[in-house]
C-alpha cells in the first residue's frame, strides 16, 4: 500500500491563497463522505447477487471474498478528497447565512 504523506506547510501555503483552512476541512469531510457513499454503492451493486446465496454455496463466499479484496486496495476516501484538493480538482463554496441566527428564549 502506498504511503500518504501530507506536508502541513504546503497545505497551509495552498490554503492561505484560498481562505480558511477550517472551511477546507469541512469541504474535505463532505467530499470524503460522497466518495465513501459511491464506493459503498458500487460494492453493494457488485455483491448483490452473491449476498442472497451466501449460506447456500461456497462459491458465493469465494466470489464475495474476491470482491472485497478488490475494494481493500482502494485508498481511503479522505485521502482521495485531499488529493483532489491538492490537485485543484475540488472546488467549494460554503454558503453563509445573510443574518445571524438569534437564540430563542
PDB file of N, CA and C in Angstrom:
ATOM      1  N   UNK A   1       0.850  -1.182   0.000  1.00  0.00           N
ATOM      2  CA  UNK A   1       0.000   0.000   0.000  1.00  0.00           C
ATOM      3  C   UNK A   1       0.888   1.236   0.000  1.00  0.00           C
ATOM      4  N   UNK A   2       0.500   2.191  -0.782  1.00  0.00           N
ATOM      5  CA  UNK A   2       1.291   3.418  -0.879  1.00  0.00           C
ATOM      6  C   UNK A   2       1.169   4.228   0.407  1.00  0.00           C
ATOM      7  N   UNK A   3       2.205   4.978   0.700  1.00  0.00           N
ATOM      8  CA  UNK A   3       2.177   5.830   1.888  1.00  0.00           C
ATOM      9  C   UNK A   3       1.613   7.186   1.502  1.00  0.00           C
ATOM     10  N   UNK A   4       0.813   7.719   2.381  1.00  0.00           N
ATOM     11  CA  UNK A   4       0.208   9.026   2.157  1.00  0.00           C
ATOM     12  C   UNK A   4       0.852  10.005   3.119  1.00  0.00           C
ATOM     13  N   UNK A   5       1.624  10.898   2.579  1.00  0.00           N
ATOM     14  CA  UNK A   5       2.307  11.877   3.404  1.00  0.00           C
ATOM     15  C   UNK A   5       1.749  13.251   3.047  1.00  0.00           C
ATOM     16  N   UNK A   6       1.273  13.946   4.043  1.00  0.00           N
ATOM     17  CA  UNK A   6       0.745  15.290   3.845  1.00  0.00           C
ATOM     18  C   UNK A   6       1.683  16.251   4.541  1.00  0.00           C
ATOM     19  N   UNK A   7       2.197  17.172   3.792  1.00  0.00           N
ATOM     20  CA  UNK A   7       3.093  18.176   4.335  1.00  0.00           C
ATOM     21  C   UNK A   7       2.245  19.338   4.839  1.00  0.00           C
ATOM     22  N   UNK A   8       2.183  19.577   6.154  1.00  0.00           N
ATOM     23  CA  UNK A   8       1.327  20.642   6.678  1.00  0.00           C
ATOM     24  C   UNK A   8       1.725  22.028   6.192  1.00  0.00           C
ATOM     25  N   UNK A   9       3.002  22.241   5.915  1.00  0.00           N
ATOM     26  CA  UNK A   9       3.436  23.558   5.448  1.00  0.00           C
ATOM     27  C   UNK A   9       2.889  23.821   4.057  1.00  0.00           C
ATOM     28  N   UNK A  10       2.981  22.841   3.170  1.00  0.00           N
ATOM     29  CA  UNK A  10       2.430  23.006   1.825  1.00  0.00           C
ATOM     30  C   UNK A  10       0.924  23.184   1.866  1.00  0.00           C
ATOM     31  N   UNK A  11       0.274  22.455   2.775  1.00  0.00           N
ATOM     32  CA  UNK A  11      -1.171  22.581   2.915  1.00  0.00           C
ATOM     33  C   UNK A  11      -1.541  23.984   3.379  1.00  0.00           C
ATOM     34  N   UNK A  12      -0.818  24.531   4.336  1.00  0.00           N
ATOM     35  CA  UNK A  12      -1.076  25.897   4.817  1.00  0.00           C
ATOM     36  C   UNK A  12      -0.847  26.922   3.717  1.00  0.00           C
ATOM     37  N   UNK A  13       0.241  26.753   2.949  1.00  0.00           N
ATOM     38  CA  UNK A  13       0.528  27.706   1.873  1.00  0.00           C
ATOM     39  C   UNK A  13      -0.567  27.653   0.815  1.00  0.00           C
ATOM     40  N   UNK A  14      -1.038  26.469   0.486  1.00  0.00           N
ATOM     41  CA  UNK A  14      -2.085  26.315  -0.512  1.00  0.00           C
ATOM     42  C   UNK A  14      -3.399  26.915  -0.014  1.00  0.00           C
ATOM     43  N   UNK A  15      -3.706  26.708   1.260  1.00  0.00           N
ATOM     44  CA  UNK A  15      -4.967  27.197   1.802  1.00  0.00           C
ATOM     45  C   UNK A  15      -4.944  28.688   2.097  1.00  0.00           C
ATOM     46  N   UNK A  16      -3.783  29.265   2.339  1.00  0.00           N
ATOM     47  CA  UNK A  16      -3.750  30.696   2.614  1.00  0.00           C
ATOM     48  C   UNK A  16      -4.163  31.491   1.382  1.00  0.00           C
ATOM     49  N   UNK A  17      -3.954  30.951   0.224  1.00  0.00           N
ATOM     50  CA  UNK A  17      -4.379  31.621  -1.002  1.00  0.00           C
ATOM     51  C   UNK A  17      -5.882  31.511  -1.211  1.00  0.00           C
ATOM     52  N   UNK A  18      -6.514  30.472  -0.621  1.00  0.00           N
ATOM     53  CA  UNK A  18      -7.930  30.230  -0.824  1.00  0.00           C
ATOM     54  C   UNK A  18      -8.823  30.795   0.253  1.00  0.00           C
ATOM     55  N   UNK A  19      -8.352  30.792   1.463  1.00  0.00           N
ATOM     56  CA  UNK A  19      -9.199  31.227   2.565  1.00  0.00           C
ATOM     57  C   UNK A  19      -8.913  30.417   3.808  1.00  0.00           C
ATOM     58  N   UNK A  20      -9.919  30.171   4.562  1.00  0.00           N
ATOM     59  CA  UNK A  20      -9.783  29.496   5.849  1.00  0.00           C
ATOM     60  C   UNK A  20      -9.513  28.007   5.677  1.00  0.00           C
ATOM     61  N   UNK A  21      -8.589  27.496   6.441  1.00  0.00           N
ATOM     62  CA  UNK A  21      -8.301  26.061   6.403  1.00  0.00           C
ATOM     63  C   UNK A  21      -9.447  25.272   7.025  1.00  0.00           C
ATOM     64  N   UNK A  22     -10.185  25.882   7.928  1.00  0.00           N
ATOM     65  CA  UNK A  22     -11.316  25.201   8.553  1.00  0.00           C
ATOM     66  C   UNK A  22     -12.425  24.952   7.542  1.00  0.00           C
ATOM     67  N   UNK A  23     -12.643  25.896   6.634  1.00  0.00           N
ATOM     68  CA  UNK A  23     -13.618  25.686   5.569  1.00  0.00           C
ATOM     69  C   UNK A  23     -13.168  24.552   4.654  1.00  0.00           C
ATOM     70  N   UNK A  24     -11.875  24.479   4.413  1.00  0.00           N
ATOM     71  CA  UNK A  24     -11.342  23.405   3.578  1.00  0.00           C
ATOM     72  C   UNK A  24     -11.537  22.053   4.236  1.00  0.00           C
ATOM     73  N   UNK A  25     -11.370  22.003   5.556  1.00  0.00           N
ATOM     74  CA  UNK A  25     -11.551  20.742   6.274  1.00  0.00           C
ATOM     75  C   UNK A  25     -13.010  20.299   6.201  1.00  0.00           C
ATOM     76  N   UNK A  26     -13.931  21.238   6.312  1.00  0.00           N
ATOM     77  CA  UNK A  26     -15.354  20.905   6.202  1.00  0.00           C
ATOM     78  C   UNK A  26     -15.656  20.383   4.800  1.00  0.00           C
ATOM     79  N   UNK A  27     -15.108  21.048   3.778  1.00  0.00           N
ATOM     80  CA  UNK A  27     -15.320  20.614   2.403  1.00  0.00           C
ATOM     81  C   UNK A  27     -14.706  19.234   2.162  1.00  0.00           C
ATOM     82  N   UNK A  28     -13.533  18.989   2.741  1.00  0.00           N
ATOM     83  CA  UNK A  28     -12.905  17.669   2.611  1.00  0.00           C
ATOM     84  C   UNK A  28     -13.766  16.590   3.251  1.00  0.00           C
ATOM     85  N   UNK A  29     -14.337  16.898   4.394  1.00  0.00           N
ATOM     86  CA  UNK A  29     -15.210  15.936   5.066  1.00  0.00           C
ATOM     87  C   UNK A  29     -16.446  15.607   4.250  1.00  0.00           C
ATOM     88  N   UNK A  30     -17.039  16.628   3.649  1.00  0.00           N
ATOM     89  CA  UNK A  30     -18.221  16.413   2.810  1.00  0.00           C
ATOM     90  C   UNK A  30     -17.869  15.593   1.574  1.00  0.00           C
ATOM     91  N   UNK A  31     -16.743  15.930   0.949  1.00  0.00           N
ATOM     92  CA  UNK A  31     -16.325  15.197  -0.251  1.00  0.00           C
ATOM     93  C   UNK A  31     -15.951  13.758   0.106  1.00  0.00           C
ATOM     94  N   UNK A  32     -15.313  13.555   1.248  1.00  0.00           N
ATOM     95  CA  UNK A  32     -14.960  12.202   1.686  1.00  0.00           C
ATOM     96  C   UNK A  32     -16.215  11.358   1.867  1.00  0.00           C
ATOM     97  N   UNK A  33     -17.239  11.957   2.433  1.00  0.00           N
ATOM     98  CA  UNK A  33     -18.499  11.231   2.629  1.00  0.00           C
ATOM     99  C   UNK A  33     -19.122  10.852   1.289  1.00  0.00           C
ATOM    100  N   UNK A  34     -19.059  11.770   0.293  1.00  0.00           N
ATOM    101  CA  UNK A  34     -19.579  11.462  -1.033  1.00  0.00           C
ATOM    102  C   UNK A  34     -18.814  10.295  -1.667  1.00  0.00           C
ATOM    103  N   UNK A  35     -17.500  10.334  -1.566  1.00  0.00           N
ATOM    104  CA  UNK A  35     -16.675   9.274  -2.142  1.00  0.00           C
ATOM    105  C   UNK A  35     -16.968   7.951  -1.452  1.00  0.00           C
ATOM    106  N   UNK A  36     -17.103   7.967  -0.134  1.00  0.00           N
ATOM    107  CA  UNK A  36     -17.411   6.750   0.615  1.00  0.00           C
ATOM    108  C   UNK A  36     -18.757   6.173   0.189  1.00  0.00           C
ATOM    109  N   UNK A  37     -19.755   7.029  -0.012  1.00  0.00           N
ATOM    110  CA  UNK A  37     -21.064   6.562  -0.457  1.00  0.00           C
ATOM    111  C   UNK A  37     -20.987   5.940  -1.849  1.00  0.00           C
ATOM    112  N   UNK A  38     -20.172   6.517  -2.738  1.00  0.00           N
ATOM    113  CA  UNK A  38     -20.005   5.958  -4.077  1.00  0.00           C
ATOM    114  C   UNK A  38     -19.351   4.578  -4.018  1.00  0.00           C
ATOM    115  N   UNK A  39     -18.323   4.445  -3.198  1.00  0.00           N
ATOM    116  CA  UNK A  39     -17.629   3.159  -3.053  1.00  0.00           C
ATOM    117  C   UNK A  39     -18.571   2.118  -2.461  1.00  0.00           C
ATOM    118  N   UNK A  40     -19.338   2.522  -1.465  1.00  0.00           N
ATOM    119  CA  UNK A  40     -20.264   1.604  -0.809  1.00  0.00           C
ATOM    120  C   UNK A  40     -21.342   1.130  -1.771  1.00  0.00           C
ATOM    121  N   UNK A  41     -21.899   2.046  -2.562  1.00  0.00           N
ATOM    122  CA  UNK A  41     -22.941   1.647  -3.508  1.00  0.00           C
ATOM    123  C   UNK A  41     -22.376   0.752  -4.607  1.00  0.00           C
ATOM    124  N   UNK A  42     -21.151   1.002  -5.032  1.00  0.00           N
ATOM    125  CA  UNK A  42     -20.521   0.137  -6.031  1.00  0.00           C
ATOM    126  C   UNK A  42     -20.317  -1.270  -5.472  1.00  0.00           C
ATOM    127  N   UNK A  43     -19.902  -1.360  -4.206  1.00  0.00           N
ATOM    128  CA  UNK A  43     -19.724  -2.665  -3.569  1.00  0.00           C
ATOM    129  C   UNK A  43     -21.049  -3.410  -3.478  1.00  0.00           C
ATOM    130  N   UNK A  44     -22.101  -2.709  -3.082  1.00  0.00           N
ATOM    131  CA  UNK A  44     -23.410  -3.350  -2.939  1.00  0.00           C
ATOM    132  C   UNK A  44     -23.907  -3.844  -4.292  1.00  0.00           C
ATOM    133  N   UNK A  45     -23.697  -3.068  -5.351  1.00  0.00           N
ATOM    134  CA  UNK A  45     -24.118  -3.486  -6.688  1.00  0.00           C
ATOM    135  C   UNK A  45     -23.380  -4.745  -7.114  1.00  0.00           C
ATOM    136  N   UNK A  46     -22.065  -4.767  -6.899  1.00  0.00           N
ATOM    137  CA  UNK A  46     -21.275  -5.927  -7.317  1.00  0.00           C
ATOM    138  C   UNK A  46     -21.551  -7.159  -6.463  1.00  0.00           C
ATOM    139  N   UNK A  47     -21.874  -6.971  -5.193  1.00  0.00           N
ATOM    140  CA  UNK A  47     -22.057  -8.098  -4.281  1.00  0.00           C
ATOM    141  C   UNK A  47     -23.509  -8.532  -4.143  1.00  0.00           C
ATOM    142  N   UNK A  48     -24.427  -7.823  -4.773  1.00  0.00           N
ATOM    143  CA  UNK A  48     -25.854  -8.091  -4.585  1.00  0.00           C
ATOM    144  C   UNK A  48     -26.224  -9.535  -4.943  1.00  0.00           C
ATOM    145  N   UNK A  49     -25.709 -10.054  -6.043  1.00  0.00           N
ATOM    146  CA  UNK A  49     -26.056 -11.407  -6.471  1.00  0.00           C
ATOM    147  C   UNK A  49     -25.526 -12.471  -5.513  1.00  0.00           C
ATOM    148  N   UNK A  50     -24.387 -12.206  -4.902  1.00  0.00           N
ATOM    149  CA  UNK A  50     -23.761 -13.203  -4.047  1.00  0.00           C
ATOM    150  C   UNK A  50     -24.270 -13.153  -2.613  1.00  0.00           C
ATOM    151  N   UNK A  51     -24.796 -12.015  -2.183  1.00  0.00           N
ATOM    152  CA  UNK A  51     -25.275 -11.905  -0.801  1.00  0.00           C
ATOM    153  C   UNK A  51     -26.500 -12.786  -0.554  1.00  0.00           C
ATOM    154  N   UNK A  52     -27.329 -12.998  -1.592  1.00  0.00           N
ATOM    155  CA  UNK A  52     -28.521 -13.831  -1.429  1.00  0.00           C
ATOM    156  C   UNK A  52     -28.158 -15.303  -1.268  1.00  0.00           C
ATOM    157  N   UNK A  53     -27.080 -15.749  -1.891  1.00  0.00           N
ATOM    158  CA  UNK A  53     -26.702 -17.154  -1.884  1.00  0.00           C
ATOM    159  C   UNK A  53     -25.536 -17.441  -0.944  1.00  0.00           C
ATOM    160  N   UNK A  54     -25.295 -16.586  -0.013  1.00  0.00           N
ATOM    161  CA  UNK A  54     -24.102 -16.694   0.834  1.00  0.00           C
ATOM    162  C   UNK A  54     -24.091 -17.970   1.664  1.00  0.00           C
ATOM    163  N   UNK A  55     -25.211 -18.350   2.240  1.00  0.00           N
ATOM    164  CA  UNK A  55     -25.259 -19.527   3.105  1.00  0.00           C
ATOM    165  C   UNK A  55     -25.375 -20.822   2.313  1.00  0.00           C
ATOM    166  N   UNK A  56     -25.838 -20.727   1.073  1.00  0.00           N
ATOM    167  CA  UNK A  56     -26.098 -21.939   0.301  1.00  0.00           C
ATOM    168  C   UNK A  56     -24.871 -22.488  -0.406  1.00  0.00           C
ATOM    169  N   UNK A  57     -23.995 -21.613  -0.871  1.00  0.00           N
ATOM    170  CA  UNK A  57     -22.872 -22.128  -1.658  1.00  0.00           C
ATOM    171  C   UNK A  57     -21.547 -21.531  -1.208  1.00  0.00           C
ATOM    172  N   UNK A  58     -20.516 -22.338  -1.375  1.00  0.00           N
ATOM    173  CA  UNK A  58     -19.166 -21.874  -1.059  1.00  0.00           C
ATOM    174  C   UNK A  58     -18.632 -20.960  -2.155  1.00  0.00           C
ATOM    175  N   UNK A  59     -19.138 -21.135  -3.373  1.00  0.00           N
ATOM    176  CA  UNK A  59     -18.696 -20.281  -4.475  1.00  0.00           C
ATOM    177  C   UNK A  59     -19.081 -18.823  -4.225  1.00  0.00           C
ATOM    178  N   UNK A  60     -20.248 -18.606  -3.644  1.00  0.00           N
ATOM    179  CA  UNK A  60     -20.688 -17.239  -3.347  1.00  0.00           C
ATOM    180  C   UNK A  60     -19.769 -16.606  -2.318  1.00  0.00           C
ATOM    181  N   UNK A  61     -19.339 -17.385  -1.341  1.00  0.00           N
ATOM    182  CA  UNK A  61     -18.420 -16.851  -0.327  1.00  0.00           C
ATOM    183  C   UNK A  61     -17.079 -16.495  -0.954  1.00  0.00           C
ATOM    184  N   UNK A  62     -16.600 -17.349  -1.856  1.00  0.00           N
ATOM    185  CA  UNK A  62     -15.325 -17.066  -2.519  1.00  0.00           C
ATOM    186  C   UNK A  62     -15.414 -15.829  -3.397  1.00  0.00           C
ATOM    187  N   UNK A  63     -16.500 -15.707  -4.142  1.00  0.00           N
ATOM    188  CA  UNK A  63     -16.684 -14.542  -5.005  1.00  0.00           C
ATOM    189  C   UNK A  63     -16.800 -13.259  -4.181  1.00  0.00           C
ATOM    190  N   UNK A  64     -17.516 -13.327  -3.083  1.00  0.00           N
ATOM    191  CA  UNK A  64     -17.660 -12.170  -2.210  1.00  0.00           C
ATOM    192  C   UNK A  64     -16.319 -11.787  -1.601  1.00  0.00           C
ATOM    193  N   UNK A  65     -15.506 -12.780  -1.274  1.00  0.00           N
ATOM    194  CA  UNK A  65     -14.164 -12.520  -0.757  1.00  0.00           C
ATOM    195  C   UNK A  65     -13.299 -11.841  -1.825  1.00  0.00           C
ATOM    196  N   UNK A  66     -13.400 -12.277  -3.070  1.00  0.00           N
ATOM    197  CA  UNK A  66     -12.634 -11.668  -4.156  1.00  0.00           C
ATOM    198  C   UNK A  66     -13.070 -10.221  -4.395  1.00  0.00           C
ATOM    199  N   UNK A  67     -14.363  -9.973  -4.312  1.00  0.00           N
ATOM    200  CA  UNK A  67     -14.875  -8.605  -4.483  1.00  0.00           C
ATOM    201  C   UNK A  67     -14.364  -7.720  -3.350  1.00  0.00           C
ATOM    202  N   UNK A  68     -14.387  -8.226  -2.130  1.00  0.00           N
ATOM    203  CA  UNK A  68     -13.918  -7.412  -1.001  1.00  0.00           C
ATOM    204  C   UNK A  68     -12.423  -7.144  -1.098  1.00  0.00           C
ATOM    205  N   UNK A  69     -11.653  -8.081  -1.654  1.00  0.00           N
ATOM    206  CA  UNK A  69     -10.222  -7.843  -1.858  1.00  0.00           C
ATOM    207  C   UNK A  69      -9.992  -6.709  -2.859  1.00  0.00           C
ATOM    208  N   UNK A  70     -10.843  -6.625  -3.872  1.00  0.00           N
ATOM    209  CA  UNK A  70     -10.733  -5.527  -4.843  1.00  0.00           C
ATOM    210  C   UNK A  70     -10.939  -4.181  -4.169  1.00  0.00           C
ATOM    211  N   UNK A  71     -11.862  -4.131  -3.229  1.00  0.00           N
ATOM    212  CA  UNK A  71     -12.166  -2.871  -2.562  1.00  0.00           C
ATOM    213  C   UNK A  71     -11.175  -2.543  -1.452  1.00  0.00           C
ATOM    214  N   UNK A  72     -10.424  -3.510  -1.001  1.00  0.00           N
ATOM    215  CA  UNK A  72      -9.417  -3.258   0.035  1.00  0.00           C
ATOM    216  C   UNK A  72      -8.247  -2.431  -0.482  1.00  0.00           C
ATOM    217  N   UNK A  73      -7.977  -2.485  -1.765  1.00  0.00           N
ATOM    218  CA  UNK A  73      -6.831  -1.747  -2.320  1.00  0.00           C
ATOM    219  C   UNK A  73      -7.171  -0.295  -2.646  1.00  0.00           C
ATOM    220  N   UNK A  74      -8.440   0.058  -2.580  1.00  0.00           N
ATOM    221  CA  UNK A  74      -8.849   1.442  -2.845  1.00  0.00           C
ATOM    222  C   UNK A  74      -8.399   2.308  -1.670  1.00  0.00           C
ATOM    223  N   UNK A  75      -7.778   3.467  -1.942  1.00  0.00           N
ATOM    224  CA  UNK A  75      -7.372   4.345  -0.841  1.00  0.00           C
ATOM    225  C   UNK A  75      -8.584   4.849  -0.055  1.00  0.00           C
ATOM    226  N   UNK A  76      -8.322   5.284   1.137  1.00  0.00           N
ATOM    227  CA  UNK A  76      -9.393   5.817   1.982  1.00  0.00           C
ATOM    228  C   UNK A  76      -9.988   7.075   1.339  1.00  0.00           C
ATOM    229  N   UNK A  77     -11.290   7.284   1.535  1.00  0.00           N
ATOM    230  CA  UNK A  77     -11.954   8.428   0.896  1.00  0.00           C
ATOM    231  C   UNK A  77     -11.357   9.783   1.277  1.00  0.00           C
ATOM    232  N   UNK A  78     -10.875   9.931   2.516  1.00  0.00           N
ATOM    233  CA  UNK A  78     -10.309  11.230   2.898  1.00  0.00           C
ATOM    234  C   UNK A  78      -8.991  11.491   2.175  1.00  0.00           C
ATOM    235  N   UNK A  79      -8.228  10.459   1.847  1.00  0.00           N
ATOM    236  CA  UNK A  79      -7.011  10.658   1.068  1.00  0.00           C
ATOM    237  C   UNK A  79      -7.335  11.029  -0.376  1.00  0.00           C
ATOM    238  N   UNK A  80      -8.391  10.418  -0.919  1.00  0.00           N
ATOM    239  CA  UNK A  80      -8.807  10.756  -2.283  1.00  0.00           C
ATOM    240  C   UNK A  80      -9.263  12.211  -2.336  1.00  0.00           C
ATOM    241  N   UNK A  81     -10.052  12.628  -1.345  1.00  0.00           N
ATOM    242  CA  UNK A  81     -10.536  14.010  -1.303  1.00  0.00           C
ATOM    243  C   UNK A  81      -9.379  14.990  -1.127  1.00  0.00           C
ATOM    244  N   UNK A  82      -8.411  14.632  -0.303  1.00  0.00           N
ATOM    245  CA  UNK A  82      -7.264  15.516  -0.095  1.00  0.00           C
ATOM    246  C   UNK A  82      -6.432  15.640  -1.376  1.00  0.00           C
ATOM    247  N   UNK A  83      -6.300  14.553  -2.096  1.00  0.00           N
ATOM    248  CA  UNK A  83      -5.565  14.591  -3.363  1.00  0.00           C
ATOM    249  C   UNK A  83      -6.295  15.473  -4.370  1.00  0.00           C
ATOM    250  N   UNK A  84      -7.636  15.390  -4.386  1.00  0.00           N
ATOM    251  CA  UNK A  84      -8.421  16.261  -5.262  1.00  0.00           C
ATOM    252  C   UNK A  84      -8.201  17.731  -4.908  1.00  0.00           C
ATOM    253  N   UNK A  85      -8.144  18.034  -3.628  1.00  0.00           N
ATOM    254  CA  UNK A  85      -7.927  19.412  -3.192  1.00  0.00           C
ATOM    255  C   UNK A  85      -6.531  19.899  -3.594  1.00  0.00           C
ATOM    256  N   UNK A  86      -5.529  19.055  -3.393  1.00  0.00           N
ATOM    257  CA  UNK A  86      -4.161  19.455  -3.712  1.00  0.00           C
ATOM    258  C   UNK A  86      -3.948  19.618  -5.226  1.00  0.00           C
ATOM    259  N   UNK A  87      -4.682  18.839  -6.032  1.00  0.00           N
ATOM    260  CA  UNK A  87      -4.582  18.945  -7.489  1.00  0.00           C
ATOM    261  C   UNK A  87      -5.557  19.971  -8.065  1.00  0.00           C
ATOM    262  N   UNK A  88      -6.209  20.700  -7.167  1.00  0.00           N
ATOM    263  CA  UNK A  88      -7.173  21.747  -7.520  1.00  0.00           C
ATOM    264  C   UNK A  88      -8.340  21.229  -8.358  1.00  0.00           C
ATOM    265  N   UNK A  89      -8.764  20.007  -8.078  1.00  0.00           N
ATOM    266  CA  UNK A  89      -9.949  19.461  -8.722  1.00  0.00           C
ATOM    267  C   UNK A  89     -11.172  19.572  -7.817  1.00  0.00           C
ATOM    268  N   UNK A  90     -10.964  19.939  -6.564  1.00  0.00           N
ATOM    269  CA  UNK A  90     -12.059  20.104  -5.612  1.00  0.00           C
ATOM    270  C   UNK A  90     -12.297  21.586  -5.397  1.00  0.00           C
ATOM    271  N   UNK A  91     -13.457  22.020  -5.778  1.00  0.00           N
ATOM    272  CA  UNK A  91     -13.820  23.426  -5.590  1.00  0.00           C
ATOM    273  C   UNK A  91     -15.042  23.462  -4.674  1.00  0.00           C
ATOM    274  N   UNK A  92     -15.067  24.450  -3.814  1.00  0.00           N
ATOM    275  CA  UNK A  92     -16.166  24.516  -2.861  1.00  0.00           C
ATOM    276  C   UNK A  92     -16.474  25.965  -2.513  1.00  0.00           C
ATOM    277  N   UNK A  93     -17.713  26.191  -2.174  1.00  0.00           N
ATOM    278  CA  UNK A  93     -18.154  27.460  -1.602  1.00  0.00           C
ATOM    279  C   UNK A  93     -19.119  27.120  -0.475  1.00  0.00           C
ATOM    280  N   UNK A  94     -18.855  27.678   0.660  1.00  0.00           N
ATOM    281  CA  UNK A  94     -19.735  27.473   1.799  1.00  0.00           C
ATOM    282  C   UNK A  94     -20.700  28.648   1.869  1.00  0.00           C
ATOM    283  N   UNK A  95     -21.954  28.327   1.945  1.00  0.00           N
ATOM    284  CA  UNK A  95     -22.988  29.354   1.980  1.00  0.00           C
ATOM    285  C   UNK A  95     -23.090  29.889   3.394  1.00  0.00           C
ATOM    286  N   UNK A  96     -22.921  31.182   3.518  1.00  0.00           N
ATOM    287  CA  UNK A  96     -23.045  31.818   4.821  1.00  0.00           C
ATOM    288  C   UNK A  96     -24.414  32.479   4.912  1.00  0.00           C
ATOM    289  N   UNK A  97     -25.062  32.360   6.047  1.00  0.00           N
ATOM    290  CA  UNK A  97     -26.384  32.980   6.186  1.00  0.00           C
ATOM    291  C   UNK A  97     -26.278  34.510   6.138  1.00  0.00           C
ATOM    292  N   UNK A  98     -27.324  35.141   5.593  1.00  0.00           N
ATOM    293  CA  UNK A  98     -27.342  36.595   5.497  1.00  0.00           C
ATOM    294  C   UNK A  98     -27.392  37.247   6.872  1.00  0.00           C
ATOM    295  N   UNK A  99     -28.180  36.668   7.744  1.00  0.00           N
ATOM    296  CA  UNK A  99     -28.321  37.229   9.073  1.00  0.00           C
ATOM    297  C   UNK A  99     -27.971  36.148  10.103  1.00  0.00           C
ATOM    298  N   UNK A 100     -27.329  36.540  11.182  1.00  0.00           N
ATOM    299  CA  UNK A 100     -27.024  35.547  12.211  1.00  0.00           C
ATOM    300  C   UNK A 100     -28.307  35.058  12.878  1.00  0.00           C
ATOM    301  N   UNK A 101     -28.317  33.805  13.251  1.00  0.00           N
ATOM    302  CA  UNK A 101     -29.472  33.208  13.916  1.00  0.00           C
ATOM    303  C   UNK A 101     -29.407  33.575  15.390  1.00  0.00           C
ATOM    304  N   UNK A 102     -30.485  34.139  15.883  1.00  0.00           N
ATOM    305  CA  UNK A 102     -30.530  34.528  17.290  1.00  0.00           C
ATOM    306  C   UNK A 102     -31.147  33.401  18.098  1.00  0.00           C
ATOM    307  N   UNK A 103     -30.585  33.104  19.272  1.00  0.00           N
ATOM    308  CA  UNK A 103     -31.141  32.011  20.090  1.00  0.00           C
ATOM    309  C   UNK A 103     -32.518  32.378  20.629  1.00  0.00           C
ATOM    310  N   UNK A 104     -33.339  31.350  20.729  1.00  0.00           N
ATOM    311  CA  UNK A 104     -34.686  31.560  21.278  1.00  0.00           C
ATOM    312  C   UNK A 104     -34.627  31.560  22.801  1.00  0.00           C
ATOM    313  N   UNK A 105     -35.497  32.346  23.418  1.00  0.00           N
ATOM    314  CA  UNK A 105     -35.554  32.400  24.890  1.00  0.00           C
ATOM    315  C   UNK A 105     -36.384  31.298  25.459  1.00  0.00           C
TER     316      UNK A 105
END
